[in-house]
Protein backbone atom coordinates (compact mmCIF):
# COMPACT_ATOMS: atom_id res chain seq x y z
CA MET A 1 -47.41 12.88 -31.72
CA LYS A 2 -45.26 9.88 -33.69
CA ILE A 3 -43.08 7.90 -31.07
CA ASN A 4 -40.09 5.66 -32.51
CA LEU A 5 -40.81 2.82 -30.21
CA CYS A 6 -38.02 1.03 -31.62
CA LEU A 7 -35.46 3.36 -30.82
CA LEU A 8 -36.58 4.00 -27.51
CA HIS A 9 -36.46 0.30 -26.95
CA LEU A 10 -33.07 -0.11 -28.32
CA ARG A 11 -31.86 2.52 -26.32
CA LEU A 12 -33.41 1.57 -22.83
CA THR A 13 -32.13 -2.28 -23.76
CA SER A 14 -28.78 -0.88 -24.38
CA ALA A 15 -28.79 1.28 -21.07
CA ARG A 16 -30.10 -1.98 -18.79
CA LYS A 17 -27.26 -3.90 -20.42
CA SER A 18 -24.60 -1.09 -19.55
CA VAL A 19 -25.60 -0.71 -15.94
CA PHE A 20 -25.54 -4.56 -15.78
CA GLY A 21 -22.08 -4.62 -17.16
CA LEU A 22 -20.96 -1.99 -14.70
CA VAL A 23 -22.60 -3.60 -11.59
CA ALA A 24 -20.99 -7.06 -12.83
CA LEU A 25 -17.36 -5.77 -13.33
CA ALA A 26 -17.82 -3.89 -10.15
CA LEU A 27 -18.64 -7.25 -8.02
CA LEU A 28 -15.96 -8.79 -9.83
CA VAL A 29 -13.10 -6.60 -9.29
CA LEU A 30 -14.47 -6.38 -5.57
CA THR A 31 -14.62 -10.11 -5.11
CA THR A 32 -10.98 -10.59 -6.76
CA ILE A 33 -9.58 -8.14 -4.33
CA SER A 34 -11.18 -9.57 -1.12
CA ALA A 35 -9.88 -12.84 -1.97
CA GLN A 36 -6.44 -12.05 -2.59
CA ARG A 37 -6.22 -10.09 0.78
CA ALA A 38 -7.92 -13.08 2.37
CA ASN A 39 -5.26 -15.50 1.05
CA ALA A 40 -2.35 -13.40 1.27
CA ASN A 41 0.04 -12.35 4.04
CA THR A 42 -0.11 -8.75 5.22
CA ILE A 43 2.68 -6.88 4.02
CA THR A 44 3.14 -3.38 5.09
CA THR A 45 5.89 -1.02 4.06
CA PHE A 46 7.06 1.43 7.06
CA SER A 47 8.67 4.76 6.42
CA VAL A 48 11.72 5.56 8.80
CA ALA A 49 12.66 8.36 10.31
CA GLY A 50 14.80 9.72 12.88
CA THR A 51 17.70 11.71 14.10
CA ALA A 52 21.25 10.82 15.54
CA GLN A 53 22.64 12.31 18.51
CA ASN A 54 25.87 14.06 16.06
CA GLY A 55 22.90 15.41 14.05
CA SER A 56 22.88 12.75 11.09
CA ILE A 57 19.11 12.31 9.61
CA LEU A 58 17.58 9.26 9.20
CA SER A 59 15.27 8.13 6.39
CA GLY A 60 14.01 5.63 4.28
CA THR A 61 11.72 2.27 4.30
CA ILE A 62 11.35 -1.28 5.60
CA THR A 63 8.71 -3.75 4.38
CA ILE A 64 7.65 -6.17 6.99
CA ASP A 65 5.45 -9.28 6.61
CA THR A 66 3.40 -8.96 9.97
CA THR A 67 1.70 -12.16 9.58
CA VAL A 68 4.90 -14.29 9.93
CA GLY A 69 6.95 -11.20 11.84
CA VAL A 70 9.90 -11.01 8.92
CA ALA A 71 11.36 -7.89 7.46
CA THR A 72 11.51 -8.61 3.93
CA SER A 73 13.28 -5.67 2.45
CA ALA A 74 15.03 -2.31 3.76
CA ALA A 75 16.57 0.60 2.23
CA ILE A 76 17.87 3.12 4.96
CA THR A 77 19.93 6.57 4.11
CA SER A 78 21.47 8.72 6.65
CA SER A 79 22.48 11.89 5.66
CA GLY A 80 24.51 14.63 7.50
CA PRO A 81 27.84 14.04 9.68
CA PHE A 82 27.22 10.18 8.76
CA SER A 83 26.18 9.86 4.66
CA PHE A 84 25.46 6.39 3.56
CA THR A 85 22.66 4.34 2.01
CA VAL A 86 22.28 0.57 3.33
CA SER A 87 19.97 -2.46 2.27
CA GLY A 88 21.48 -5.54 3.70
CA LEU A 89 19.18 -6.59 6.17
CA ILE A 90 19.89 -8.96 9.43
CA GLN A 91 17.00 -9.31 12.18
CA GLY A 92 16.71 -11.02 15.32
CA ARG A 93 15.02 -10.55 18.72
CA THR A 94 17.82 -9.19 21.05
CA ASP A 95 15.70 -10.74 24.34
CA VAL A 96 12.19 -10.80 25.38
CA THR A 97 11.60 -7.10 24.73
CA THR A 98 13.47 -5.76 22.03
CA PHE A 99 13.43 -6.89 18.37
CA ASN A 100 16.54 -5.64 16.35
CA LEU A 101 16.65 -4.84 12.54
CA ASP A 102 20.37 -4.31 11.54
CA ILE A 103 20.47 -2.69 7.98
CA THR A 104 24.04 -2.90 6.87
CA ASP A 105 26.66 -2.78 3.79
CA GLY A 106 29.32 -4.50 5.95
CA VAL A 107 30.95 -1.17 6.67
CA SER A 108 28.30 1.30 7.47
CA ASP A 109 25.32 0.11 9.32
CA ALA A 110 21.95 1.42 10.83
CA SER A 111 21.03 -0.89 13.89
CA LEU A 112 17.60 -0.28 14.98
CA TYR A 113 15.99 -1.45 18.01
CA LEU A 114 12.13 -1.87 18.42
CA PRO A 115 10.07 -2.00 21.75
CA VAL A 116 8.82 -5.19 20.77
CA ALA A 117 9.53 -8.99 21.41
CA SER A 118 7.91 -9.96 17.65
CA LEU A 119 6.91 -8.37 14.34
CA VAL A 120 4.01 -10.55 14.23
CA GLY A 121 1.09 -8.03 14.14
CA TYR A 122 3.56 -5.05 14.09
CA GLY A 123 1.86 -1.65 13.41
CA GLY A 124 4.73 0.65 13.76
CA GLY A 125 5.57 2.94 16.62
CA ARG A 126 8.99 4.65 18.19
CA LEU A 127 12.40 3.09 17.67
CA CYS A 128 14.47 2.47 20.87
CA SER A 129 16.58 5.63 21.47
CA GLN A 130 17.93 8.21 23.81
CA SER A 131 15.02 9.75 24.36
CA ASN A 132 12.76 7.18 24.85
CA GLY A 133 14.27 4.04 25.85
CA ALA A 134 11.70 2.56 27.97
CA GLY A 135 11.09 -1.35 27.67
CA CYS A 136 14.59 -1.46 25.51
CA ALA A 137 17.26 -3.74 25.78
CA ASP A 138 19.63 -1.49 23.45
CA VAL A 139 19.31 1.94 21.81
CA SER A 140 19.31 2.17 18.07
CA VAL A 141 22.90 3.54 16.78
CA LEU A 142 24.33 4.66 13.32
CA VAL A 143 27.43 3.28 12.32
CA ASN A 144 29.84 5.15 9.71
CA ALA A 145 32.98 2.92 8.82
CA PRO A 146 34.18 0.33 11.46
CA HIS A 147 34.97 3.16 14.84
CA SER A 148 32.44 5.83 14.27
CA PHE A 149 28.89 5.69 15.41
CA SER A 150 25.88 7.89 17.04
CA THR A 151 23.30 6.80 19.10
CA LEU A 152 19.64 7.95 18.25
CA LEU A 153 18.14 10.39 19.84
CA ASN A 154 14.92 9.80 18.46
CA GLY A 155 13.03 7.77 15.55
CA SER A 156 10.00 5.93 14.56
CA LEU A 157 8.48 3.61 12.00
CA THR A 158 5.31 4.63 10.32
CA ALA A 159 3.14 2.29 8.08
CA VAL A 160 2.25 3.82 4.74
CA PRO A 161 -1.28 3.45 4.09
CA GLU A 162 -2.28 1.05 1.23
CA PRO A 163 -5.17 2.03 -1.03
CA GLY A 164 -8.26 0.43 0.49
CA THR A 165 -11.12 -1.53 -1.76
CA PRO A 166 -13.22 1.81 -2.40
CA ALA A 167 -10.02 3.22 -3.92
CA LEU A 168 -8.97 0.59 -5.76
CA LEU A 169 -12.66 0.19 -7.17
CA THR A 170 -12.71 3.98 -8.22
CA VAL A 171 -9.53 3.46 -10.02
CA ALA A 172 -10.40 0.15 -11.96
CA PHE A 173 -14.03 1.98 -12.77
CA LEU A 174 -11.99 5.07 -14.10
CA THR A 175 -8.99 3.12 -15.92
CA PHE A 176 -11.27 0.43 -17.48
CA VAL A 177 -15.26 0.72 -17.47
CA LEU A 178 -15.88 4.85 -17.90
CA PRO A 179 -13.53 4.84 -21.17
CA ALA A 180 -15.42 1.76 -22.55
CA ALA A 181 -18.58 2.95 -21.62
CA LEU A 182 -18.02 6.65 -23.26
CA SER A 183 -16.70 5.07 -26.38
CA ARG A 184 -19.61 2.93 -27.01
CA ARG A 185 -22.15 3.81 -29.59
CA ILE A 186 -25.48 2.43 -29.29
CA ALA A 187 -26.27 1.01 -32.88
CA CYS A 188 -30.14 1.26 -33.72
CA SER A 189 -31.61 -0.76 -36.69
CA PRO A 190 -33.81 1.38 -38.58
CA CYS A 191 -37.19 1.09 -37.59
CA SER A 192 -40.37 2.48 -39.44
CA LEU A 193 -43.39 4.27 -38.46
CA ALA A 194 -45.50 1.44 -39.62
CA ASP A 195 -43.55 -0.59 -36.98
CA ASP A 196 -44.07 1.78 -34.26
CA GLN A 197 -47.99 2.05 -35.22
CA GLU A 198 -48.11 -2.08 -35.25
CA ARG A 199 -46.71 -2.14 -31.75
CA LEU A 200 -49.24 0.48 -30.56
CA ALA A 201 -52.19 -1.47 -32.18
């Protein structure tokens, strides 16, 4: 049986290089992601949900830097009897037990009270409301124009999951590594049978 050892050798060498390249790239991506997360503040986006006493429905998002305890952005929508969207953000502690996030456009307002003294390490939870006001200095309220308001019957802030490191590595692999590996052609220089026989001798 005649064996083309040159071709076999080149294919094995190319395969080893491909595997080492993939492993090195995966480790590089993982190291970069870990370093960025270790050095960066924890920024978490929370989805907002709630129902006001007059039937208005509250929705939207609030982004909080939970490392320093500061809300960085908000976009809140009220639909139903009260219909508005607000994004201006005023924040501060009401007292030792309650933190206030006031999202407003200067006329309409979603004044949200959280039963926490600080947003450092905040992971989400209930809003101070008519149905659950324990530990709250005030109740969350929607204001539609200067003289119309409705307190919140219930509400919550829920952290939106971020993709973890395995998910990011999978995306990186599917986006960059796999297409490159599939499109790669193995170039093999011609080898003669004499070369193979010489190697076998």
